[in-house]
């Protein structure tokens, strides 16, 4: 009798151990996953589901750490390529290296990468000639000119625009912006130049000449649809 009980207890013990081993392998996969991924895997009833959960985890880790080693762990080939492309794109923009964009496999993202670098360089340096680095973006210089003009309230860059429609929008937008800026500055100038001006009364409502929001046509939203 005792021998039979011992055998039963032994079988139960071994069963529990095997169950724990299978559970750990299924949930953890001998890797340390976050709680969200563990719950995802725990809800799976097939290997494909488990693999998909792990792939999402590796993709998120790669995006967070910026390390290609996580991309290499992804099982799905499309997801793996997308992961690598994303990291190449991010690092290329950060390092401002157009040549690094060529590591990107997806054609549209590769083009977006190059245009982003050229655009940022042109805006920061107020130099439309940065576009000379690209041969397949004819609107590049005008797009940079219209944005430099707008953000710096500089009409001279509008005059350099070759596209007549873009030039018209540029002149209109910059002039409107300058008018609104003048409305905001005028009250301050009057108070500073007239020492006898009484201090303005404190009011709970905003100054009538300075509305809470001024709708100005922002050219970057009109013509910067390049990525």
Protein backbone atom coordinates (compact mmCIF):
# COMPACT_ATOMS: atom_id res chain seq x y z
CA UNK A 1 0.00 0.00 0.00
CA UNK A 2 2.71 2.42 1.02
CA UNK A 3 4.70 1.50 -2.05
CA UNK A 4 1.70 2.31 -4.25
CA UNK A 5 1.25 5.72 -2.57
CA UNK A 6 4.92 6.51 -3.08
CA UNK A 7 4.66 5.63 -6.74
CA UNK A 8 1.58 7.82 -7.18
CA UNK A 9 3.26 10.72 -5.37
CA UNK A 10 6.34 10.24 -7.57
CA UNK A 11 4.25 10.29 -10.74
CA UNK A 12 2.43 13.45 -9.61
CA UNK A 13 5.74 15.11 -8.72
CA UNK A 14 7.28 14.26 -12.10
CA UNK A 15 4.13 15.49 -13.86
CA UNK A 16 4.33 18.82 -12.05
CA UNK A 17 8.01 19.19 -12.91
CA UNK A 18 7.33 18.45 -16.58
CA UNK A 19 4.45 20.90 -16.59
CA UNK A 20 6.66 23.63 -15.12
CA UNK A 21 9.39 22.94 -17.67
CA UNK A 22 6.89 23.15 -20.53
CA UNK A 23 5.37 26.31 -19.05
CA UNK A 24 8.73 28.03 -18.67
CA UNK A 25 9.73 27.07 -22.19
CA UNK A 26 6.43 28.30 -23.59
CA UNK A 27 6.24 31.55 -21.67
CA UNK A 28 9.86 32.49 -21.35
CA UNK A 29 11.41 30.59 -24.19
CA UNK A 30 14.58 30.65 -22.08
CA UNK A 31 14.55 34.43 -22.59
CA UNK A 32 13.43 37.17 -20.26
CA UNK A 33 10.40 38.87 -21.81
CA UNK A 34 8.43 41.79 -20.46
CA UNK A 35 5.05 41.26 -18.84
CA UNK A 36 3.10 42.28 -21.93
CA UNK A 37 4.92 39.77 -24.14
CA UNK A 38 4.61 37.04 -21.55
CA UNK A 39 0.86 37.57 -21.40
CA UNK A 40 0.74 37.54 -25.20
CA UNK A 41 2.61 34.25 -25.35
CA UNK A 42 0.58 32.81 -22.49
CA UNK A 43 -2.60 33.37 -24.46
CA UNK A 44 -1.32 31.44 -27.48
CA UNK A 45 -2.35 27.91 -28.35
CA UNK A 46 0.03 27.36 -31.26
CA UNK A 47 3.64 27.98 -32.20
CA UNK A 48 2.86 30.60 -34.87
CA UNK A 49 1.14 32.76 -32.29
CA UNK A 50 4.05 32.46 -29.88
CA UNK A 51 6.50 33.39 -32.64
CA UNK A 52 4.42 36.46 -33.55
CA UNK A 53 4.45 37.62 -29.92
CA UNK A 54 8.21 37.24 -29.75
CA UNK A 55 8.66 39.08 -33.07
CA UNK A 56 6.72 42.07 -31.72
CA UNK A 57 8.91 42.06 -28.62
CA UNK A 58 12.15 41.96 -30.65
CA UNK A 59 10.92 44.76 -32.94
CA UNK A 60 10.08 46.97 -29.97
CA UNK A 61 13.46 46.25 -28.36
CA UNK A 62 15.27 47.12 -31.60
CA UNK A 63 13.36 50.36 -31.93
CA UNK A 64 14.12 51.27 -28.32
CA UNK A 65 17.79 50.25 -28.22
CA UNK A 66 18.67 51.03 -31.82
CA UNK A 67 20.47 47.68 -32.08
CA UNK A 68 20.28 45.44 -35.14
CA UNK A 69 20.89 42.38 -32.98
CA UNK A 70 17.20 42.41 -32.02
CA UNK A 71 16.13 42.57 -35.66
CA UNK A 72 18.14 39.43 -36.38
CA UNK A 73 16.04 37.52 -33.84
CA UNK A 74 12.78 38.25 -35.67
CA UNK A 75 11.40 35.18 -37.42
CA UNK A 76 9.13 36.83 -39.98
CA UNK A 77 11.29 38.00 -42.91
CA UNK A 78 9.15 41.03 -43.78
CA UNK A 79 9.15 42.19 -40.18
CA UNK A 80 12.89 41.59 -39.92
CA UNK A 81 13.53 43.69 -43.04
CA UNK A 82 11.21 46.40 -41.78
CA UNK A 83 13.05 46.44 -38.46
CA UNK A 84 16.43 46.82 -40.14
CA UNK A 85 15.13 49.54 -42.47
CA UNK A 86 13.73 51.51 -39.55
CA UNK A 87 17.04 51.45 -37.69
CA UNK A 88 19.02 52.40 -40.80
CA UNK A 89 16.61 55.29 -41.40
CA UNK A 90 16.84 56.54 -37.82
CA UNK A 91 20.64 56.34 -37.66
CA UNK A 92 21.05 57.99 -41.08
CA UNK A 93 18.91 60.96 -40.04
CA UNK A 94 20.71 61.24 -36.72
CA UNK A 95 24.18 61.13 -38.32
CA UNK A 96 23.07 63.22 -41.33
CA UNK A 97 24.68 60.75 -43.74
CA UNK A 98 22.92 60.37 -47.07
CA UNK A 99 25.12 57.41 -48.03
CA UNK A 100 23.78 55.46 -45.06
CA UNK A 101 20.27 55.70 -46.52
CA UNK A 102 21.39 53.26 -49.21
CA UNK A 103 21.36 50.51 -46.58
CA UNK A 104 17.56 50.78 -46.55
CA UNK A 105 15.85 48.12 -48.63
CA UNK A 106 12.42 49.70 -49.04
CA UNK A 107 12.64 52.16 -51.96
CA UNK A 108 10.18 54.79 -50.70
CA UNK A 109 11.73 54.90 -47.25
CA UNK A 110 15.20 55.15 -48.79
CA UNK A 111 14.10 58.17 -50.83
CA UNK A 112 12.40 59.71 -47.82
CA UNK A 113 15.60 59.30 -45.83
CA UNK A 114 17.70 61.16 -48.40
CA UNK A 115 15.17 63.96 -48.82
CA UNK A 116 14.83 64.41 -45.08
CA UNK A 117 18.58 64.88 -44.64
CA UNK A 118 18.85 67.30 -47.58
CA UNK A 119 15.80 69.26 -46.42
CA UNK A 120 17.01 69.61 -42.84
CA UNK A 121 20.45 70.65 -44.02
CA UNK A 122 18.99 73.26 -46.35
CA UNK A 123 16.71 74.74 -43.68
CA UNK A 124 19.35 74.81 -40.95
CA UNK A 125 21.98 76.36 -43.20
CA UNK A 126 19.49 78.53 -45.13
CA UNK A 127 21.05 77.02 -48.22
CA UNK A 128 18.83 75.64 -51.00
CA UNK A 129 21.97 74.39 -52.76
CA UNK A 130 21.94 71.41 -50.43
CA UNK A 131 19.49 70.02 -52.99
CA UNK A 132 22.39 69.52 -55.40
CA UNK A 133 23.04 66.26 -53.59
CA UNK A 134 19.88 64.82 -55.14
CA UNK A 135 19.10 64.52 -58.84
CA UNK A 136 15.51 63.29 -58.69
CA UNK A 137 13.77 65.98 -56.63
CA UNK A 138 13.20 69.01 -58.91
CA UNK A 139 11.02 70.89 -56.39
CA UNK A 140 13.63 70.62 -53.66
CA UNK A 141 15.12 74.13 -53.85
CA UNK A 142 11.75 75.85 -54.04
CA UNK A 143 10.41 73.83 -51.09
CA UNK A 144 13.41 74.86 -49.00
CA UNK A 145 13.18 78.50 -50.15
CA UNK A 146 9.51 78.80 -49.23
CA UNK A 147 10.13 77.40 -45.76
CA UNK A 148 13.22 79.52 -45.11
CA UNK A 149 11.26 82.58 -46.22
CA UNK A 150 8.32 81.79 -43.98
CA UNK A 151 10.15 80.85 -40.81
CA UNK A 152 12.56 83.77 -41.11
CA UNK A 153 10.04 86.28 -42.50
CA UNK A 154 12.44 86.86 -45.38
CA UNK A 155 10.80 87.81 -48.67
CA UNK A 156 14.09 87.62 -50.55
CA UNK A 157 13.85 83.82 -50.57
CA UNK A 158 10.32 84.06 -52.04
CA UNK A 159 11.76 86.03 -54.95
CA UNK A 160 14.17 83.19 -55.71
CA UNK A 161 11.38 80.63 -56.14
CA UNK A 162 11.03 79.42 -59.72
CA UNK A 163 7.56 77.91 -59.50
CA UNK A 164 5.09 80.79 -59.94
CA UNK A 165 2.37 79.22 -57.78
CA UNK A 166 4.77 78.53 -54.95
CA UNK A 167 6.22 82.04 -55.23
CA UNK A 168 2.75 83.55 -54.95
CA UNK A 169 1.91 81.46 -51.88
CA UNK A 170 5.27 82.32 -50.34
CA UNK A 171 4.84 86.08 -50.79
CA UNK A 172 1.28 85.97 -49.48
CA UNK A 173 2.15 83.84 -46.46
CA UNK A 174 5.23 85.82 -45.44
CA UNK A 175 3.49 89.18 -45.85
CA UNK A 176 0.53 87.98 -43.80
CA UNK A 177 2.88 86.71 -41.11
CA UNK A 178 4.77 90.02 -41.03
CA UNK A 179 1.47 91.90 -40.68
CA UNK A 180 0.42 89.77 -37.73
CA UNK A 181 3.82 90.17 -36.11
CA UNK A 182 3.56 93.94 -36.54
CA UNK A 183 0.18 93.96 -34.77
CA UNK A 184 1.74 92.24 -31.78
CA UNK A 185 4.78 94.53 -31.66
CA UNK A 186 2.98 97.89 -32.17
CA UNK A 187 1.45 98.22 -28.66
CA UNK A 188 4.82 97.50 -27.06
CA UNK A 189 6.58 100.13 -29.19
CA UNK A 190 3.95 102.77 -28.32
CA UNK A 191 4.35 102.19 -24.60
CA UNK A 192 8.15 102.29 -24.74
CA UNK A 193 8.33 105.52 -26.82
CA UNK A 194 5.76 107.42 -24.73
CA UNK A 195 6.92 107.68 -21.09
CA UNK A 196 3.66 109.43 -20.12
CA UNK A 197 1.59 106.45 -21.13
CA UNK A 198 -0.35 105.13 -18.17
CA UNK A 199 0.33 101.50 -17.25
CA UNK A 200 -2.15 99.24 -18.98
CA UNK A 201 -5.03 97.98 -16.93
CA UNK A 202 -4.90 94.33 -16.03
CA UNK A 203 -7.66 92.53 -17.83
CA UNK A 204 -8.84 88.97 -17.78
CA UNK A 205 -9.45 89.11 -21.54
CA UNK A 206 -6.66 89.04 -24.14
CA UNK A 207 -5.61 92.22 -25.94
CA UNK A 208 -8.00 92.82 -28.85
CA UNK A 209 -5.13 93.37 -31.29
CA UNK A 210 -3.53 90.05 -30.38
CA UNK A 211 -6.04 87.22 -30.86
CA UNK A 212 -5.38 83.94 -29.13
CA UNK A 213 -4.60 82.28 -32.43
CA UNK A 214 -3.76 83.65 -35.85
CA UNK A 215 -4.44 81.44 -38.82
CA UNK A 216 -1.54 81.86 -41.22
CA UNK A 217 -1.04 79.72 -44.29
CA UNK A 218 1.95 77.65 -43.36
CA UNK A 219 3.79 76.73 -46.57
CA UNK A 220 5.41 73.71 -44.99
CA UNK A 221 1.96 72.10 -44.82
CA UNK A 222 1.27 72.99 -48.42
CA UNK A 223 4.38 71.85 -50.18
CA UNK A 224 6.33 69.61 -47.85
CA UNK A 225 4.57 66.35 -48.71
CA UNK A 226 7.78 64.66 -49.72
CA UNK A 227 7.78 61.93 -47.08
